Amino acid sequence: MPAKVRKGAHTDDPQNRSVDGAHKGVTASPELAEIIGEGSMKRTEVVSRVWDYVRKHNLQNPDNRREIIADERLKKVFGRDRATMFEMNRLVFAHLK
């Protein structure tokens, strides 16, 4: 007789795994969707896409690379002109459902 495995325990059976907050699908607000695109995605993917946007538009402060200088789109998400990379997650996650 096989051993019982509690729900959420690590197994090779995907039906027996629970989904943690980082891997759960979320939907972005219209302001954030302008930056990362629409549709459901993981929180980790949201952060990755925001960083892609920051790098593509050269929005990091050249004197302090930990600081992001918001353009018009990011100002709608951040609610201010600048944010550190540590504050960014909190500000972005406020726009997720």
N, C-alpha and C. Protein backbone atom coordinates (compact mmCIF):
# COMPACT_ATOMS: atom_id res chain seq x y z
N MET A 1 0.85 -1.18 0.00
CA MET A 1 0.00 0.00 0.00
C MET A 1 0.90 1.25 0.00
N PRO A 2 0.68 2.20 -0.94
CA PRO A 2 1.52 3.40 -1.00
C PRO A 2 1.28 4.31 0.19
N ALA A 3 2.31 5.06 0.56
CA ALA A 3 2.20 5.99 1.68
C ALA A 3 1.31 7.16 1.29
N LYS A 4 0.58 7.68 2.26
CA LYS A 4 -0.27 8.84 2.00
C LYS A 4 0.59 10.08 1.92
N VAL A 5 0.26 10.96 0.99
CA VAL A 5 0.98 12.22 0.82
C VAL A 5 -0.02 13.33 1.06
N ARG A 6 0.33 14.24 1.98
CA ARG A 6 -0.60 15.33 2.27
C ARG A 6 -0.66 16.29 1.08
N LYS A 7 -1.79 16.90 0.91
CA LYS A 7 -1.97 17.84 -0.19
C LYS A 7 -1.00 19.00 -0.04
N GLY A 8 -0.35 19.38 -1.13
CA GLY A 8 0.62 20.46 -1.13
C GLY A 8 2.04 19.98 -0.91
N ALA A 9 2.21 18.73 -0.54
CA ALA A 9 3.56 18.19 -0.36
C ALA A 9 4.19 18.00 -1.73
N HIS A 10 5.51 18.04 -1.77
CA HIS A 10 6.22 17.90 -3.04
C HIS A 10 6.07 16.48 -3.59
N THR A 11 5.47 16.37 -4.74
CA THR A 11 5.37 15.09 -5.45
C THR A 11 5.54 15.39 -6.93
N ASP A 12 5.63 14.36 -7.71
CA ASP A 12 5.73 14.55 -9.16
C ASP A 12 4.36 14.71 -9.79
N ASP A 13 3.31 14.56 -9.03
CA ASP A 13 1.96 14.69 -9.53
C ASP A 13 1.51 16.15 -9.45
N PRO A 14 1.37 16.85 -10.60
CA PRO A 14 0.99 18.26 -10.57
C PRO A 14 -0.37 18.51 -9.93
N GLN A 15 -1.25 17.53 -9.90
CA GLN A 15 -2.57 17.69 -9.29
C GLN A 15 -2.48 17.78 -7.77
N ASN A 16 -1.35 17.36 -7.22
CA ASN A 16 -1.20 17.29 -5.77
C ASN A 16 -0.35 18.44 -5.22
N ARG A 17 -0.12 19.49 -6.00
CA ARG A 17 0.70 20.62 -5.57
C ARG A 17 -0.16 21.85 -5.34
N SER A 18 0.16 22.58 -4.29
CA SER A 18 -0.52 23.84 -4.07
C SER A 18 0.28 24.95 -4.76
N VAL A 19 -0.38 26.05 -5.05
CA VAL A 19 0.27 27.16 -5.74
C VAL A 19 0.52 28.26 -4.72
N ASP A 20 1.78 28.69 -4.59
CA ASP A 20 2.08 29.77 -3.65
C ASP A 20 1.82 31.11 -4.31
N GLY A 21 1.92 32.19 -3.55
CA GLY A 21 1.58 33.53 -4.03
C GLY A 21 2.41 34.00 -5.21
N ALA A 22 3.69 33.60 -5.27
CA ALA A 22 4.56 34.06 -6.34
C ALA A 22 4.20 33.42 -7.68
N HIS A 23 3.58 32.24 -7.64
CA HIS A 23 3.28 31.52 -8.87
C HIS A 23 1.81 31.55 -9.24
N LYS A 24 1.01 32.23 -8.46
CA LYS A 24 -0.42 32.34 -8.74
C LYS A 24 -0.62 33.38 -9.84
N GLY A 25 -1.54 33.15 -10.72
CA GLY A 25 -1.84 34.10 -11.79
C GLY A 25 -2.49 35.36 -11.26
N VAL A 26 -2.02 36.52 -11.70
CA VAL A 26 -2.58 37.80 -11.30
C VAL A 26 -2.88 38.62 -12.54
N THR A 27 -3.74 39.61 -12.39
CA THR A 27 -4.11 40.49 -13.48
C THR A 27 -3.72 41.92 -13.12
N ALA A 28 -3.14 42.63 -14.07
CA ALA A 28 -2.65 43.99 -13.84
C ALA A 28 -3.75 45.02 -14.04
N SER A 29 -3.62 46.15 -13.35
CA SER A 29 -4.50 47.29 -13.55
C SER A 29 -4.25 47.85 -14.95
N PRO A 30 -5.15 48.67 -15.47
CA PRO A 30 -4.94 49.24 -16.81
C PRO A 30 -3.64 50.05 -16.91
N GLU A 31 -3.27 50.74 -15.83
CA GLU A 31 -2.03 51.54 -15.84
C GLU A 31 -0.80 50.64 -15.97
N LEU A 32 -0.78 49.57 -15.19
CA LEU A 32 0.35 48.64 -15.24
C LEU A 32 0.34 47.82 -16.53
N ALA A 33 -0.84 47.52 -17.05
CA ALA A 33 -0.95 46.74 -18.29
C ALA A 33 -0.35 47.50 -19.48
N GLU A 34 -0.32 48.83 -19.42
CA GLU A 34 0.34 49.62 -20.48
C GLU A 34 1.83 49.29 -20.56
N ILE A 35 2.40 48.88 -19.44
CA ILE A 35 3.83 48.60 -19.37
C ILE A 35 4.14 47.14 -19.61
N ILE A 36 3.38 46.23 -18.98
CA ILE A 36 3.73 44.81 -19.03
C ILE A 36 2.86 43.98 -19.96
N GLY A 37 1.79 44.56 -20.46
CA GLY A 37 0.87 43.80 -21.30
C GLY A 37 -0.30 43.27 -20.48
N GLU A 38 -1.29 42.76 -21.17
CA GLU A 38 -2.50 42.28 -20.52
C GLU A 38 -2.47 40.79 -20.37
N GLY A 39 -3.38 40.29 -19.55
CA GLY A 39 -3.51 38.86 -19.33
C GLY A 39 -3.00 38.45 -17.97
N SER A 40 -3.31 37.23 -17.61
CA SER A 40 -2.90 36.69 -16.33
C SER A 40 -1.45 36.22 -16.41
N MET A 41 -0.66 36.54 -15.38
CA MET A 41 0.74 36.09 -15.33
C MET A 41 1.17 35.99 -13.88
N LYS A 42 2.28 35.32 -13.65
CA LYS A 42 2.83 35.16 -12.31
C LYS A 42 3.43 36.48 -11.84
N ARG A 43 3.48 36.66 -10.52
CA ARG A 43 4.08 37.88 -9.95
C ARG A 43 5.54 38.01 -10.38
N THR A 44 6.24 36.90 -10.46
CA THR A 44 7.64 36.94 -10.87
C THR A 44 7.78 37.44 -12.30
N GLU A 45 6.83 37.08 -13.15
CA GLU A 45 6.83 37.55 -14.54
C GLU A 45 6.52 39.04 -14.60
N VAL A 46 5.63 39.52 -13.73
CA VAL A 46 5.30 40.95 -13.67
C VAL A 46 6.56 41.75 -13.36
N VAL A 47 7.29 41.35 -12.32
CA VAL A 47 8.52 42.05 -11.93
C VAL A 47 9.54 42.03 -13.06
N SER A 48 9.68 40.88 -13.70
CA SER A 48 10.62 40.76 -14.81
C SER A 48 10.26 41.70 -15.96
N ARG A 49 8.99 41.80 -16.27
CA ARG A 49 8.56 42.68 -17.37
C ARG A 49 8.73 44.16 -17.02
N VAL A 50 8.51 44.52 -15.75
CA VAL A 50 8.73 45.90 -15.34
C VAL A 50 10.22 46.23 -15.48
N TRP A 51 11.10 45.33 -15.05
CA TRP A 51 12.55 45.56 -15.20
C TRP A 51 12.95 45.64 -16.66
N ASP A 52 12.35 44.82 -17.51
CA ASP A 52 12.63 44.90 -18.95
C ASP A 52 12.27 46.29 -19.47
N TYR A 53 11.12 46.82 -19.03
CA TYR A 53 10.68 48.15 -19.45
C TYR A 53 11.66 49.22 -18.96
N VAL A 54 12.08 49.11 -17.70
CA VAL A 54 13.01 50.10 -17.12
C VAL A 54 14.32 50.10 -17.90
N ARG A 55 14.84 48.94 -18.21
CA ARG A 55 16.10 48.85 -18.95
C ARG A 55 15.95 49.34 -20.39
N LYS A 56 14.86 48.94 -21.03
CA LYS A 56 14.64 49.31 -22.43
C LYS A 56 14.56 50.83 -22.59
N HIS A 57 13.95 51.50 -21.62
CA HIS A 57 13.76 52.95 -21.69
C HIS A 57 14.81 53.73 -20.90
N ASN A 58 15.85 53.02 -20.43
CA ASN A 58 16.98 53.64 -19.73
C ASN A 58 16.50 54.53 -18.58
N LEU A 59 15.72 53.94 -17.66
CA LEU A 59 15.11 54.71 -16.59
C LEU A 59 15.83 54.59 -15.24
N GLN A 60 16.96 53.88 -15.22
CA GLN A 60 17.73 53.82 -13.98
C GLN A 60 18.59 55.07 -13.85
N ASN A 61 18.67 55.60 -12.64
CA ASN A 61 19.50 56.76 -12.37
C ASN A 61 20.97 56.37 -12.60
N PRO A 62 21.69 57.05 -13.48
CA PRO A 62 23.08 56.67 -13.76
C PRO A 62 24.00 56.81 -12.56
N ASP A 63 23.67 57.70 -11.63
CA ASP A 63 24.49 57.90 -10.43
C ASP A 63 24.17 56.89 -9.33
N ASN A 64 22.95 56.40 -9.32
CA ASN A 64 22.51 55.43 -8.32
C ASN A 64 21.61 54.42 -9.02
N ARG A 65 22.19 53.33 -9.49
CA ARG A 65 21.46 52.36 -10.32
C ARG A 65 20.31 51.68 -9.58
N ARG A 66 20.26 51.81 -8.25
CA ARG A 66 19.15 51.24 -7.49
C ARG A 66 17.89 52.10 -7.57
N GLU A 67 18.02 53.29 -8.11
CA GLU A 67 16.88 54.21 -8.20
C GLU A 67 16.32 54.22 -9.62
N ILE A 68 15.01 54.21 -9.70
CA ILE A 68 14.32 54.25 -10.99
C ILE A 68 13.67 55.62 -11.13
N ILE A 69 13.95 56.27 -12.25
CA ILE A 69 13.35 57.57 -12.56
C ILE A 69 12.15 57.29 -13.47
N ALA A 70 10.97 57.55 -12.96
CA ALA A 70 9.74 57.18 -13.66
C ALA A 70 9.47 58.09 -14.84
N ASP A 71 9.08 57.47 -15.97
CA ASP A 71 8.55 58.24 -17.09
C ASP A 71 7.05 58.39 -16.86
N GLU A 72 6.32 58.93 -17.82
CA GLU A 72 4.89 59.19 -17.64
C GLU A 72 4.10 57.92 -17.31
N ARG A 73 4.42 56.81 -17.98
CA ARG A 73 3.70 55.56 -17.72
C ARG A 73 3.98 55.04 -16.32
N LEU A 74 5.25 55.04 -15.92
CA LEU A 74 5.59 54.54 -14.59
C LEU A 74 5.09 55.46 -13.47
N LYS A 75 4.97 56.75 -13.74
CA LYS A 75 4.42 57.66 -12.74
C LYS A 75 3.00 57.27 -12.37
N LYS A 76 2.23 56.78 -13.34
CA LYS A 76 0.87 56.32 -13.07
C LYS A 76 0.86 55.12 -12.13
N VAL A 77 1.88 54.29 -12.23
CA VAL A 77 1.98 53.10 -11.38
C VAL A 77 2.59 53.44 -10.03
N PHE A 78 3.71 54.15 -10.04
CA PHE A 78 4.42 54.49 -8.80
C PHE A 78 3.70 55.56 -7.99
N GLY A 79 3.03 56.48 -8.67
CA GLY A 79 2.41 57.60 -7.98
C GLY A 79 3.40 58.68 -7.59
N ARG A 80 4.60 58.62 -8.13
CA ARG A 80 5.65 59.61 -7.85
C ARG A 80 6.71 59.55 -8.93
N ASP A 81 7.68 60.46 -8.86
CA ASP A 81 8.71 60.59 -9.91
C ASP A 81 9.82 59.56 -9.81
N ARG A 82 10.13 59.10 -8.61
CA ARG A 82 11.25 58.17 -8.41
C ARG A 82 10.87 57.10 -7.40
N ALA A 83 11.54 55.96 -7.53
CA ALA A 83 11.37 54.87 -6.56
C ALA A 83 12.64 54.03 -6.58
N THR A 84 12.99 53.47 -5.42
CA THR A 84 14.13 52.56 -5.40
C THR A 84 13.66 51.20 -5.88
N MET A 85 14.62 50.36 -6.25
CA MET A 85 14.25 49.02 -6.71
C MET A 85 13.60 48.22 -5.59
N PHE A 86 13.86 48.58 -4.34
CA PHE A 86 13.25 47.89 -3.21
C PHE A 86 11.80 48.32 -3.01
N GLU A 87 11.48 49.56 -3.32
CA GLU A 87 10.11 50.06 -3.22
C GLU A 87 9.26 49.63 -4.41
N MET A 88 9.90 49.36 -5.52
CA MET A 88 9.20 49.07 -6.77
C MET A 88 8.20 47.93 -6.61
N ASN A 89 8.59 46.81 -6.00
CA ASN A 89 7.68 45.68 -5.87
C ASN A 89 6.40 46.06 -5.14
N ARG A 90 6.53 46.78 -4.03
CA ARG A 90 5.35 47.19 -3.26
C ARG A 90 4.43 48.07 -4.10
N LEU A 91 5.03 49.00 -4.84
CA LEU A 91 4.24 49.92 -5.66
C LEU A 91 3.57 49.19 -6.83
N VAL A 92 4.27 48.26 -7.44
CA VAL A 92 3.72 47.51 -8.57
C VAL A 92 2.65 46.54 -8.10
N PHE A 93 2.91 45.83 -6.98
CA PHE A 93 1.95 44.83 -6.51
C PHE A 93 0.63 45.45 -6.07
N ALA A 94 0.61 46.74 -5.78
CA ALA A 94 -0.64 47.43 -5.45
C ALA A 94 -1.55 47.51 -6.68
N HIS A 95 -1.01 47.27 -7.86
CA HIS A 95 -1.78 47.32 -9.12
C HIS A 95 -2.16 45.94 -9.63
N LEU A 96 -2.07 44.92 -8.77
CA LEU A 96 -2.39 43.56 -9.18
C LEU A 96 -3.63 43.06 -8.46
N LYS A 97 -4.40 42.23 -9.18
CA LYS A 97 -5.59 41.59 -8.59
C LYS A 97 -5.39 40.10 -8.65
